[in-house]
Structures are given as structure tokens and as C-alpha cells.
C-alpha atoms as a PDB file:
ATOM      1  CA  MET A   1       0.094  -0.035  -0.010  1.00  0.00           C
ATOM      2  CA  SER A   2       1.480   3.413  -0.862  1.00  0.00           C
ATOM      3  CA  PRO A   3       1.744   5.987   1.736  1.00  0.00           C
ATOM      4  CA  SER A   4      -1.122   7.867  -0.142  1.00  0.00           C
ATOM      5  CA  ASP A   5      -3.221   4.757  -0.100  1.00  0.00           C
ATOM      6  CA  SER A   6      -2.408   4.216   3.687  1.00  0.00           C
ATOM      7  CA  LEU A   7      -3.553   7.858   4.516  1.00  0.00           C
ATOM      8  CA  ASP A   8      -6.852   7.467   2.526  1.00  0.00           C
ATOM      9  CA  ALA A   9      -7.582   4.253   4.370  1.00  0.00           C
ATOM     10  CA  THR A  10      -6.831   5.783   7.808  1.00  0.00           C
ATOM     11  CA  PHE A  11      -9.157   8.698   7.170  1.00  0.00           C
ATOM     12  CA  ALA A  12     -11.780   6.628   5.589  1.00  0.00           C
ATOM     13  CA  ALA A  13     -11.696   4.495   8.762  1.00  0.00           C
ATOM     14  CA  LEU A  14     -11.644   7.379  11.097  1.00  0.00           C
ATOM     15  CA  ALA A  15     -14.563   8.872   9.234  1.00  0.00           C
ATOM     16  CA  ASP A  16     -17.097   6.498  11.156  1.00  0.00           C
ATOM     17  CA  PRO A  17     -17.984   7.451  14.752  1.00  0.00           C
ATOM     18  CA  THR A  18     -18.255   3.899  15.823  1.00  0.00           C
ATOM     19  CA  ARG A  19     -14.731   3.055  14.583  1.00  0.00           C
ATOM     20  CA  ARG A  20     -13.388   6.298  16.454  1.00  0.00           C
ATOM     21  CA  ALA A  21     -15.189   5.056  19.635  1.00  0.00           C
ATOM     22  CA  ILE A  22     -13.611   1.645  19.087  1.00  0.00           C
ATOM     23  CA  LEU A  23     -10.119   3.054  18.767  1.00  0.00           C
ATOM     24  CA  ALA A  24     -10.845   5.216  22.005  1.00  0.00           C
ATOM     25  CA  ARG A  25     -11.635   2.194  23.763  1.00  0.00           C
ATOM     26  CA  LEU A  26      -8.574   0.211  22.490  1.00  0.00           C
ATOM     27  CA  ALA A  27      -6.374   3.295  23.600  1.00  0.00           C
ATOM     28  CA  LEU A  28      -7.148   2.211  27.084  1.00  0.00           C
ATOM     29  CA  GLY A  29      -5.920  -1.220  26.327  1.00  0.00           C
ATOM     30  CA  GLU A  30      -6.538  -4.590  24.534  1.00  0.00           C
ATOM     31  CA  ALA A  31     -10.111  -5.788  24.194  1.00  0.00           C
ATOM     32  CA  SER A  32     -12.013  -8.763  22.914  1.00  0.00           C
ATOM     33  CA  VAL A  33     -14.891  -8.481  20.270  1.00  0.00           C
ATOM     34  CA  LYS A  34     -17.362  -9.066  22.851  1.00  0.00           C
ATOM     35  CA  ASP A  35     -15.950  -6.073  24.873  1.00  0.00           C
ATOM     36  CA  LEU A  36     -15.781  -3.807  22.075  1.00  0.00           C
ATOM     37  CA  ALA A  37     -19.389  -4.705  20.999  1.00  0.00           C
ATOM     38  CA  GLU A  38     -20.904  -4.175  24.402  1.00  0.00           C
ATOM     39  CA  PRO A  39     -21.435  -0.422  24.379  1.00  0.00           C
ATOM     40  CA  PHE A  40     -23.072  -0.342  20.827  1.00  0.00           C
ATOM     41  CA  ALA A  41     -26.443  -1.128  19.667  1.00  0.00           C
ATOM     42  CA  THR A  42     -24.788  -2.871  16.709  1.00  0.00           C
ATOM     43  CA  SER A  43     -24.827  -6.652  15.919  1.00  0.00           C
ATOM     44  CA  ARG A  44     -21.572  -8.814  16.579  1.00  0.00           C
ATOM     45  CA  PRO A  45     -21.267  -9.212  12.852  1.00  0.00           C
ATOM     46  CA  GLY A  46     -21.544  -5.365  12.188  1.00  0.00           C
ATOM     47  CA  ILE A  47     -18.883  -4.811  15.043  1.00  0.00           C
ATOM     48  CA  SER A  48     -16.669  -7.301  13.115  1.00  0.00           C
ATOM     49  CA  ARG A  49     -17.177  -5.341   9.766  1.00  0.00           C
ATOM     50  CA  HIS A  50     -15.914  -2.045  11.792  1.00  0.00           C
ATOM     51  CA  LEU A  51     -12.922  -4.041  13.116  1.00  0.00           C
ATOM     52  CA  ARG A  52     -12.094  -5.327   9.518  1.00  0.00           C
ATOM     53  CA  VAL A  53     -11.965  -1.803   8.237  1.00  0.00           C
ATOM     54  CA  LEU A  54      -9.804  -0.793  11.119  1.00  0.00           C
ATOM     55  CA  GLU A  55      -7.413  -3.697  10.611  1.00  0.00           C
ATOM     56  CA  ASP A  56      -7.234  -3.091   6.992  1.00  0.00           C
ATOM     57  CA  ALA A  57      -6.291   0.407   7.531  1.00  0.00           C
ATOM     58  CA  GLY A  58      -3.530  -0.920   9.932  1.00  0.00           C
ATOM     59  CA  LEU A  59      -5.004   1.170  12.928  1.00  0.00           C
ATOM     60  CA  ILE A  60      -5.504  -1.995  14.915  1.00  0.00           C
ATOM     61  CA  SER A  61      -4.020  -5.512  14.934  1.00  0.00           C
ATOM     62  CA  ARG A  62      -5.308  -8.891  16.441  1.00  0.00           C
ATOM     63  CA  THR A  63      -3.208 -10.978  18.621  1.00  0.00           C
ATOM     64  CA  ARG A  64      -4.032 -14.468  20.085  1.00  0.00           C
ATOM     65  CA  ASP A  65      -4.382 -15.373  23.652  1.00  0.00           C
ATOM     66  CA  ALA A  66      -5.464 -18.982  24.131  1.00  0.00           C
ATOM     67  CA  GLN A  67      -9.153 -18.928  22.942  1.00  0.00           C
ATOM     68  CA  ARG A  68      -9.462 -15.189  22.877  1.00  0.00           C
ATOM     69  CA  ARG A  69      -8.310 -12.863  19.909  1.00  0.00           C
ATOM     70  CA  PRO A  70      -7.977  -9.520  21.602  1.00  0.00           C
ATOM     71  CA  ARG A  71      -7.462  -6.379  19.429  1.00  0.00           C
ATOM     72  CA  ARG A  72      -4.831  -3.752  20.261  1.00  0.00           C
ATOM     73  CA  ILE A  73      -4.499  -0.143  18.730  1.00  0.00           C
ATOM     74  CA  GLU A  74      -1.450   0.289  16.261  1.00  0.00           C
ATOM     75  CA  GLY A  75       0.048   4.005  16.436  1.00  0.00           C
ATOM     76  CA  GLY A  76       1.800   4.136  13.009  1.00  0.00           C
ATOM     77  CA  PRO A  77      -1.055   5.102  10.710  1.00  0.00           C
ATOM     78  CA  LEU A  78      -2.295   7.619  13.435  1.00  0.00           C
ATOM     79  CA  ALA A  79       1.196   9.056  13.499  1.00  0.00           C
ATOM     80  CA  ASP A  80       1.337   9.151   9.767  1.00  0.00           C
ATOM     81  CA  ALA A  81      -2.281  11.050   9.861  1.00  0.00           C
ATOM     82  CA  ASN A  82      -0.748  13.452  12.437  1.00  0.00           C
ATOM     83  CA  ARG A  83       2.205  14.362  10.329  1.00  0.00           C
ATOM     84  CA  PHE A  84      -0.113  14.901   7.526  1.00  0.00           C
ATOM     85  CA  LEU A  85      -2.374  17.322   9.345  1.00  0.00           C
ATOM     86  CA  GLU A  86       0.807  18.954  11.064  1.00  0.00           C
ATOM     87  CA  GLY A  87       1.407  20.818   7.862  1.00  0.00           C
ATOM     88  CA  TYR A  88      -2.046  22.351   7.778  1.00  0.00           C
ATOM     89  CA  ARG A  89      -1.712  23.219  11.515  1.00  0.00           C
ATOM     90  CA  ARG A  90       1.487  25.141  10.848  1.00  0.00           C
ATOM     91  CA  PHE A  91      -0.009  26.969   7.844  1.00  0.00           C
ATOM     92  CA  TRP A  92      -3.170  28.232   9.908  1.00  0.00           C
ATOM     93  CA  ALA A  93      -0.741  29.188  12.844  1.00  0.00           C
ATOM     94  CA  ARG A  94       1.273  31.422  10.515  1.00  0.00           C
ATOM     95  CA  SER A  95      -1.942  32.770   8.987  1.00  0.00           C
ATOM     96  CA  PHE A  96      -3.429  33.745  12.387  1.00  0.00           C
ATOM     97  CA  ASP A  97      -0.050  35.201  13.384  1.00  0.00           C
ATOM     98  CA  HIS A  98      -0.257  37.301  10.161  1.00  0.00           C
ATOM     99  CA  LEU A  99      -3.839  38.422  10.918  1.00  0.00           C
ATOM    100  CA  ASP A 100      -2.641  39.449  14.512  1.00  0.00           C
ATOM    101  CA  VAL A 101      -0.025  41.723  13.160  1.00  0.00           C
ATOM    102  CA  LEU A 102      -2.444  43.188  10.688  1.00  0.00           C
ATOM    103  CA  LEU A 103      -5.058  43.866  13.342  1.00  0.00           C
ATOM    104  CA  GLU A 104      -2.296  45.496  15.669  1.00  0.00           C
ATOM    105  CA  ASP A 105      -1.182  47.577  12.872  1.00  0.00           C
ATOM    106  CA  MET A 106      -4.791  48.794  12.307  1.00  0.00           C
ATOM    107  CA  LYS A 107      -5.254  49.403  15.904  1.00  0.00           C
ATOM    108  CA  ALA A 108      -1.922  51.585  16.034  1.00  0.00           C
ATOM    109  CA  ARG A 109      -3.146  53.525  12.970  1.00  0.00           C
ATOM    110  CA  LYS A 110      -6.553  54.086  14.419  1.00  0.00           C
ATOM    111  CA  LYS A 111      -4.926  55.599  17.598  1.00  0.00           C
ATOM    112  CA  ALA A 112      -2.459  57.797  15.408  1.00  0.00           C
ATOM    113  CA  VAL A 113      -5.307  59.497  13.623  1.00  0.00           C
ATOM    114  CA  PRO A 114      -6.791  62.419  15.991  1.00  0.00           C
ATOM    115  CA  LYS A 115     -10.384  62.604  16.484  1.00  0.00           C
ATOM    116  CA  ARG A 116     -12.091  65.539  14.874  1.00  0.00           C
ATOM    117  CA  ARG A 117     -14.171  67.873  16.832  1.00  0.00           C
ATOM    118  CA  LYS A 118     -17.995  68.026  16.279  1.00  0.00           C
ATOM    119  CA  ARG A 119     -19.075  71.615  14.934  1.00  0.00           C
ATOM    120  CA  GLN A 120     -21.596  73.295  16.900  1.00  0.00           C
END
């Protein structure tokens, strides 16, 4: 999978609120499908489909512990998405800094212009 495809898969997986909630739960530690399905009004097969999307995107992995197959979160794809978004964060920070300078300049000019007296 190319870096672009990987990023596309990550954002597609993150687009669903159920999958984001699953990731939030896995950020606390490993969990079984049963544990992950518990808070949702979704069938186990529905949760399994969400898990498959997360696995295909590389966001989670499956381990084997006797009869259990707990899932765990994988940080790599999230780190890649963060690096991608960081460029935009820097862009907006620079833009807002520039806007602050312009606003301060406008305030300074406004203070420098003497007020006119009203005619009576």
C-alpha cells in the first residue's frame, strides 16, 4: 500500500464514529470483540465489519491469547495522519499570526489619527 493509499484508508476508517469509539476504547488497552461490541446497539457481525476496516487500515491488530483474539491499537497510521495534518496546522498558525500583526497595525493607525471635533 502506498503512503497515499495508507493515509486514505486511515481517514476513511476514522470517518465513522463507531470506529473512532472503538479506537478510543482500544487506547485504554486490549479488548475482545465482545468487550468492544458491548456499548453499541450494533450486532456482533456489524462490529466485526468495523474491526475489519480498522485492521485493513492498519489502525488495529489482532493477537492470540489461548481462545481469545484481543485487538490492540497500532500507532503508526495515526502518527502518519498526524504528520499530514501538522503541515496544515502550521499553515493556519502562520495565517493567524499574520492576521494578528495586521490587526495590531490597524489598531495602532487608528490611535494615531486624531479625532475630529464636532461642529456646533
